[in-house]
Each structure stands twice: as structure tokens, then as C-alpha cells.
């Protein structure tokens, strides 16, 4: 049993953890292999993150699976990522279902190949009644585009008289985002040592704790995830208030 896991306070868990899974290419390069080798060897890390969340009952896990900017990568790498996504869904669908997890997909899915969309829809449909946790895959996702689309849709609804401009606030705006049915992100983890957000959930991480790890994604383990939770629990989340205000609440 993990000694790190034993340090976790079950009454102080984040509701929503998001992960930027970075470092596959460098992991492969360090082994004299092509970038695609890193992507194929990242599946265990994905399983580790999902299983860790499931074990300690974190209700929402969002994985940055493929960004809108990733379409600009070499065609061979994009094709490998798309094929790998389909293969992984075929292999993991039954386990995701058996764990009681519900899968969601966010992003500009119209750009995806038909086979990928079909497989994603199949797993989403298969798991739609599950209630033990939520696995959110951000695919062909870019946060700036998500926010712009929300603004355009709100503008249309104002023009059509469906909403009043005076009623626009944070809560209403959130109802136009892909993540409208999910809680805000409490903890964002990024692997590979890079310290940037990369156009990921910019609105949703407004008050999230950010952890940047010097570990490449294929080396990510459950114990690393558990340590992130321990570190999260050791921080005082103030949401713009002072420490003194938080203590007397």
C-alpha cells in the first residue's frame, strides 16, 4: 500500500483535477526513439492518473488529450495520435465502464476524423449512466476558442432577446462553456517541467492550485499523483481573501 496515499485527508479532496500531459516526445528522444514512441508509452501514465482518482474518489478528472494547436504538428504524428486514441478507447472502454466512470469529451470535435468521433461517441454513450466518477477528455481543445464561442453565442442570444445583457455575469457565462456541467478546476498538474498553461481551461482554473512537475508524462505514477494531492492539501486556498478571513470562516 502507498505510504503517500495514507497521508491524504479524504475530507479535503479537490473535486476537479486537470492534467496537462506533457513530455512524451522528450521521453522518447532520451531513449533514441521517435516522438510517436513516447505517445504509445504514455498509456500507462493515463491509467495511473485515472486509477489514482478512482481510488481516492476524486469526482472529476480532465486530461488534455489533444490541443487545437496540435493539428499543426507533422501529419505523421497527428495520424499516430488519432490512431492511438481509437486503439486506446477500444482497449480501455470496458475498464472505464467497469469502474463506474462516465466519460465526457470537450473541444472542437468537428475537426476529428469520423472513426475517432464514432469511437468517442460510443464510449460516451456506453458510460452515460455511470455515477462513480467523471473522466473528461479535452480533444481538439483550445480555451481561447471556447471563450470566443461563448461570447458569440451569448451575443446571439442577446440579439434574439433570449437573455438581457444586464443579466450577464460569471454564472451565466459559464453556462456557455464546454464545461458548464462540471465544477471549476481545483488542481491543475502539468508534467515535463514546463511552466505554462498552453491554452487549457483558462476560465476554469481561475482559482486552481497549479503544480508543475519535473517528470515526463510516461513516467507519471499513482504515487506522484497522490503526492500532488498531499501538496494541494497543504496549501491555504484563499480565493482572494486574506488568511485571517479564511481561518474565521
Protein backbone atom coordinates (compact mmCIF):
# COMPACT_ATOMS: atom_id res chain seq x y z
CA UNK A 1 0.00 0.00 0.00
CA UNK A 2 1.22 3.51 -0.83
CA UNK A 3 2.57 5.36 2.20
CA UNK A 4 1.95 8.63 0.35
CA UNK A 5 -1.70 7.74 -0.19
CA UNK A 6 -2.07 7.27 3.59
CA UNK A 7 -1.21 10.95 4.10
CA UNK A 8 -4.24 12.12 2.10
CA UNK A 9 -7.12 13.68 4.04
CA UNK A 10 -10.29 12.20 2.50
CA UNK A 11 -12.29 15.21 3.73
CA UNK A 12 -10.19 17.75 1.82
CA UNK A 13 -10.05 16.40 -1.71
CA UNK A 14 -10.23 18.51 -4.87
CA UNK A 15 -13.46 17.98 -6.76
CA UNK A 16 -11.81 18.53 -10.13
CA UNK A 17 -8.23 17.78 -11.17
CA UNK A 18 -6.96 18.70 -14.64
CA UNK A 19 -3.74 17.41 -16.16
CA UNK A 20 -1.56 18.71 -18.99
CA UNK A 21 0.15 15.50 -20.07
CA UNK A 22 3.46 16.82 -21.42
CA UNK A 23 6.83 15.27 -22.20
CA UNK A 24 6.12 12.27 -24.42
CA UNK A 25 8.42 13.48 -27.18
CA UNK A 26 11.35 14.22 -24.88
CA UNK A 27 10.88 10.89 -23.12
CA UNK A 28 11.17 9.11 -26.46
CA UNK A 29 14.10 11.23 -27.64
CA UNK A 30 16.04 10.43 -24.47
CA UNK A 31 15.74 6.78 -25.49
CA UNK A 32 16.79 7.37 -29.09
CA UNK A 33 13.25 6.87 -30.39
CA UNK A 34 10.76 8.87 -32.45
CA UNK A 35 8.17 11.08 -30.70
CA UNK A 36 5.41 8.62 -31.54
CA UNK A 37 7.17 6.03 -29.34
CA UNK A 38 6.60 8.37 -26.39
CA UNK A 39 2.91 8.73 -27.16
CA UNK A 40 2.46 4.96 -27.26
CA UNK A 41 4.24 4.54 -23.95
CA UNK A 42 2.11 7.21 -22.25
CA UNK A 43 -0.92 4.94 -21.88
CA UNK A 44 0.23 3.55 -18.53
CA UNK A 45 0.52 7.09 -17.18
CA UNK A 46 -3.07 7.77 -18.27
CA UNK A 47 -4.18 4.61 -16.48
CA UNK A 48 -2.26 5.67 -13.38
CA UNK A 49 -3.99 9.06 -13.26
CA UNK A 50 -7.44 7.53 -13.79
CA UNK A 51 -6.88 4.77 -11.23
CA UNK A 52 -5.47 7.17 -8.64
CA UNK A 53 -8.52 9.43 -8.95
CA UNK A 54 -10.79 6.42 -8.73
CA UNK A 55 -9.06 5.04 -5.63
CA UNK A 56 -9.42 8.23 -3.57
CA UNK A 57 -12.79 9.23 -5.08
CA UNK A 58 -12.00 12.46 -6.88
CA UNK A 59 -15.16 13.02 -8.93
CA UNK A 60 -13.72 14.85 -11.98
CA UNK A 61 -10.50 14.29 -13.91
CA UNK A 62 -9.84 16.23 -17.11
CA UNK A 63 -6.98 15.16 -19.36
CA UNK A 64 -5.56 17.48 -22.05
CA UNK A 65 -5.52 14.80 -24.73
CA UNK A 66 -5.06 16.81 -27.94
CA UNK A 67 -4.97 20.60 -28.21
CA UNK A 68 -6.31 22.70 -31.07
CA UNK A 69 -2.69 23.70 -31.74
CA UNK A 70 -1.62 20.06 -32.04
CA UNK A 71 -3.21 19.97 -35.51
CA UNK A 72 -0.13 21.94 -36.64
CA UNK A 73 2.23 19.08 -35.80
CA UNK A 74 3.68 16.84 -38.56
CA UNK A 75 0.95 14.81 -40.29
CA UNK A 76 2.56 11.51 -39.32
CA UNK A 77 2.47 12.40 -35.63
CA UNK A 78 -1.14 13.64 -35.83
CA UNK A 79 -2.20 10.44 -37.57
CA UNK A 80 -0.41 8.35 -34.95
CA UNK A 81 -2.14 10.27 -32.15
CA UNK A 82 -5.56 9.82 -33.76
CA UNK A 83 -4.99 6.09 -34.33
CA UNK A 84 -3.66 5.69 -30.81
CA UNK A 85 -6.72 7.42 -29.41
CA UNK A 86 -9.01 4.95 -31.18
CA UNK A 87 -6.89 1.97 -30.10
CA UNK A 88 -6.83 3.16 -26.50
CA UNK A 89 -10.59 3.71 -26.38
CA UNK A 90 -11.17 0.22 -27.77
CA UNK A 91 -8.88 -1.30 -25.15
CA UNK A 92 -9.94 0.80 -22.18
CA UNK A 93 -13.69 1.23 -22.73
CA UNK A 94 -14.66 -1.84 -20.74
CA UNK A 95 -12.41 -0.92 -17.82
CA UNK A 96 -13.70 2.66 -17.75
CA UNK A 97 -17.23 1.29 -17.72
CA UNK A 98 -16.48 -1.33 -15.05
CA UNK A 99 -15.02 1.33 -12.75
CA UNK A 100 -18.33 3.17 -12.92
CA UNK A 101 -16.78 6.18 -14.63
CA UNK A 102 -18.68 8.39 -17.02
CA UNK A 103 -16.69 9.72 -19.97
CA UNK A 104 -17.17 13.19 -21.43
CA UNK A 105 -15.45 14.87 -24.36
CA UNK A 106 -14.89 18.62 -24.78
CA UNK A 107 -13.40 20.51 -27.72
CA UNK A 108 -13.98 21.24 -31.38
CA UNK A 109 -14.92 17.69 -32.30
CA UNK A 110 -15.92 18.56 -35.87
CA UNK A 111 -12.25 18.51 -36.85
CA UNK A 112 -11.79 14.91 -35.75
CA UNK A 113 -11.72 12.01 -38.25
CA UNK A 114 -15.09 10.16 -38.42
CA UNK A 115 -13.64 6.97 -36.89
CA UNK A 116 -12.37 8.90 -33.87
CA UNK A 117 -15.70 10.69 -33.39
CA UNK A 118 -17.60 7.42 -33.68
CA UNK A 119 -15.43 5.72 -31.08
CA UNK A 120 -15.66 8.65 -28.69
CA UNK A 121 -19.44 8.76 -29.05
CA UNK A 122 -19.61 5.01 -28.44
CA UNK A 123 -17.78 5.24 -25.11
CA UNK A 124 -19.70 8.36 -24.05
CA UNK A 125 -22.96 6.52 -24.75
CA UNK A 126 -21.74 3.33 -23.05
CA UNK A 127 -20.89 5.16 -19.83
CA UNK A 128 -23.61 7.81 -19.68
CA UNK A 129 -25.42 6.18 -16.73
CA UNK A 130 -22.26 5.73 -14.63
CA UNK A 131 -22.05 7.77 -11.43
CA UNK A 132 -18.79 6.86 -9.64
CA UNK A 133 -16.64 9.49 -11.32
CA UNK A 134 -16.17 11.56 -14.45
CA UNK A 135 -13.35 11.28 -16.97
CA UNK A 136 -13.22 14.32 -19.25
CA UNK A 137 -11.08 14.17 -22.40
CA UNK A 138 -10.16 17.56 -23.88
CA UNK A 139 -9.64 16.77 -27.57
CA UNK A 140 -9.07 19.33 -30.34
CA UNK A 141 -9.50 21.75 -27.44
CA UNK A 142 -8.37 25.35 -27.12
CA UNK A 143 -9.57 27.56 -24.30
CA UNK A 144 -9.38 30.87 -26.17
CA UNK A 145 -11.60 29.43 -28.91
CA UNK A 146 -14.00 28.07 -26.27
CA UNK A 147 -14.29 31.54 -24.70
CA UNK A 148 -14.75 33.26 -28.07
CA UNK A 149 -17.52 30.81 -29.00
CA UNK A 150 -19.21 31.52 -25.66
CA UNK A 151 -19.08 35.27 -26.35
CA UNK A 152 -20.53 34.78 -29.85
CA UNK A 153 -23.34 32.57 -28.57
CA UNK A 154 -24.19 34.98 -25.77
CA UNK A 155 -24.24 37.84 -28.30
CA UNK A 156 -26.65 35.90 -30.49
CA UNK A 157 -28.93 35.17 -27.54
CA UNK A 158 -28.91 38.84 -26.53
CA UNK A 159 -29.74 39.84 -30.12
CA UNK A 160 -32.62 37.35 -30.22
CA UNK A 161 -33.95 38.54 -26.87
CA UNK A 162 -33.31 35.24 -25.09
CA UNK A 163 -31.21 36.96 -22.41
CA UNK A 164 -30.71 40.54 -21.26
CA UNK A 165 -27.19 41.98 -21.46
CA UNK A 166 -27.62 43.30 -17.92
CA UNK A 167 -28.00 39.73 -16.65
CA UNK A 168 -24.63 38.55 -17.95
CA UNK A 169 -22.44 37.50 -15.03
CA UNK A 170 -19.88 34.78 -14.28
CA UNK A 171 -22.53 32.11 -13.70
CA UNK A 172 -24.38 32.83 -16.93
CA UNK A 173 -21.12 32.94 -18.90
CA UNK A 174 -20.09 29.55 -17.54
CA UNK A 175 -23.30 28.05 -18.94
CA UNK A 176 -21.94 28.73 -22.44
CA UNK A 177 -18.65 26.86 -21.90
CA UNK A 178 -17.96 23.22 -22.75
CA UNK A 179 -17.57 22.61 -19.02
CA UNK A 180 -20.93 24.02 -17.95
CA UNK A 181 -21.86 20.77 -16.19
CA UNK A 182 -18.55 20.41 -14.33
CA UNK A 183 -17.20 22.13 -11.18
CA UNK A 184 -14.29 24.57 -11.54
CA UNK A 185 -10.81 23.09 -11.53
CA UNK A 186 -9.27 22.90 -8.05
CA UNK A 187 -5.89 21.50 -9.05
CA UNK A 188 -4.00 21.73 -12.34
CA UNK A 189 -1.00 19.45 -12.83
CA UNK A 190 1.50 19.81 -15.68
CA UNK A 191 4.33 17.36 -16.27
CA UNK A 192 7.67 17.82 -18.13
CA UNK A 193 8.99 20.82 -16.18
CA UNK A 194 7.38 23.42 -18.44
CA UNK A 195 5.73 26.30 -16.56
CA UNK A 196 2.88 27.44 -18.76
CA UNK A 197 -0.84 26.79 -19.25
CA UNK A 198 -0.88 26.22 -23.04
CA UNK A 199 -4.40 27.49 -23.71
CA UNK A 200 -6.01 24.96 -21.36
CA UNK A 201 -9.14 25.72 -19.29
CA UNK A 202 -8.18 29.38 -18.84
CA UNK A 203 -11.54 30.37 -17.33
CA UNK A 204 -11.95 27.19 -15.29
CA UNK A 205 -8.58 27.41 -13.49
CA UNK A 206 -9.10 30.97 -12.21
CA UNK A 207 -8.61 29.84 -8.58
CA UNK A 208 -6.95 26.48 -9.12
CA UNK A 209 -3.74 25.43 -7.41
CA UNK A 210 -1.03 24.91 -10.05
CA UNK A 211 1.63 22.22 -9.82
CA UNK A 212 4.43 21.92 -12.38
CA UNK A 213 6.34 18.65 -12.13
CA UNK A 214 9.86 17.81 -13.32
CA UNK A 215 8.71 14.42 -14.58
CA UNK A 216 7.96 13.42 -18.15
CA UNK A 217 4.43 12.13 -18.68
CA UNK A 218 5.25 8.46 -19.47
CA UNK A 219 6.95 8.27 -16.05
CA UNK A 220 3.89 9.54 -14.17
CA UNK A 221 2.78 7.16 -11.40
CA UNK A 222 -0.06 6.90 -8.92
CA UNK A 223 2.31 7.89 -6.10
CA UNK A 224 3.23 11.06 -7.98
CA UNK A 225 -0.48 11.85 -8.29
CA UNK A 226 -1.04 11.13 -4.59
CA UNK A 227 1.87 13.43 -3.67
CA UNK A 228 0.23 16.19 -5.74
CA UNK A 229 -2.92 15.75 -3.66
CA UNK A 230 -0.93 15.89 -0.42
CA UNK A 231 0.79 19.09 -1.61
CA UNK A 232 -2.59 20.53 -2.60
CA UNK A 233 -3.96 19.83 0.88
CA UNK A 234 -1.01 21.59 2.49
CA UNK A 235 -1.89 24.87 0.77
CA UNK A 236 -4.28 27.51 2.03
CA UNK A 237 -6.82 28.34 -0.65
CA UNK A 238 -7.95 31.93 -0.11
CA UNK A 239 -9.99 32.82 -3.23
CA UNK A 240 -8.94 36.48 -2.97
CA UNK A 241 -9.47 36.73 0.79
CA UNK A 242 -6.83 37.07 3.49
CA UNK A 243 -5.56 34.13 5.51
CA UNK A 244 -7.21 35.59 8.60
CA UNK A 245 -10.61 35.71 6.89
CA UNK A 246 -10.32 32.08 5.85
CA UNK A 247 -9.44 30.96 9.39
CA UNK A 248 -12.52 32.52 10.98
CA UNK A 249 -14.99 31.12 8.47
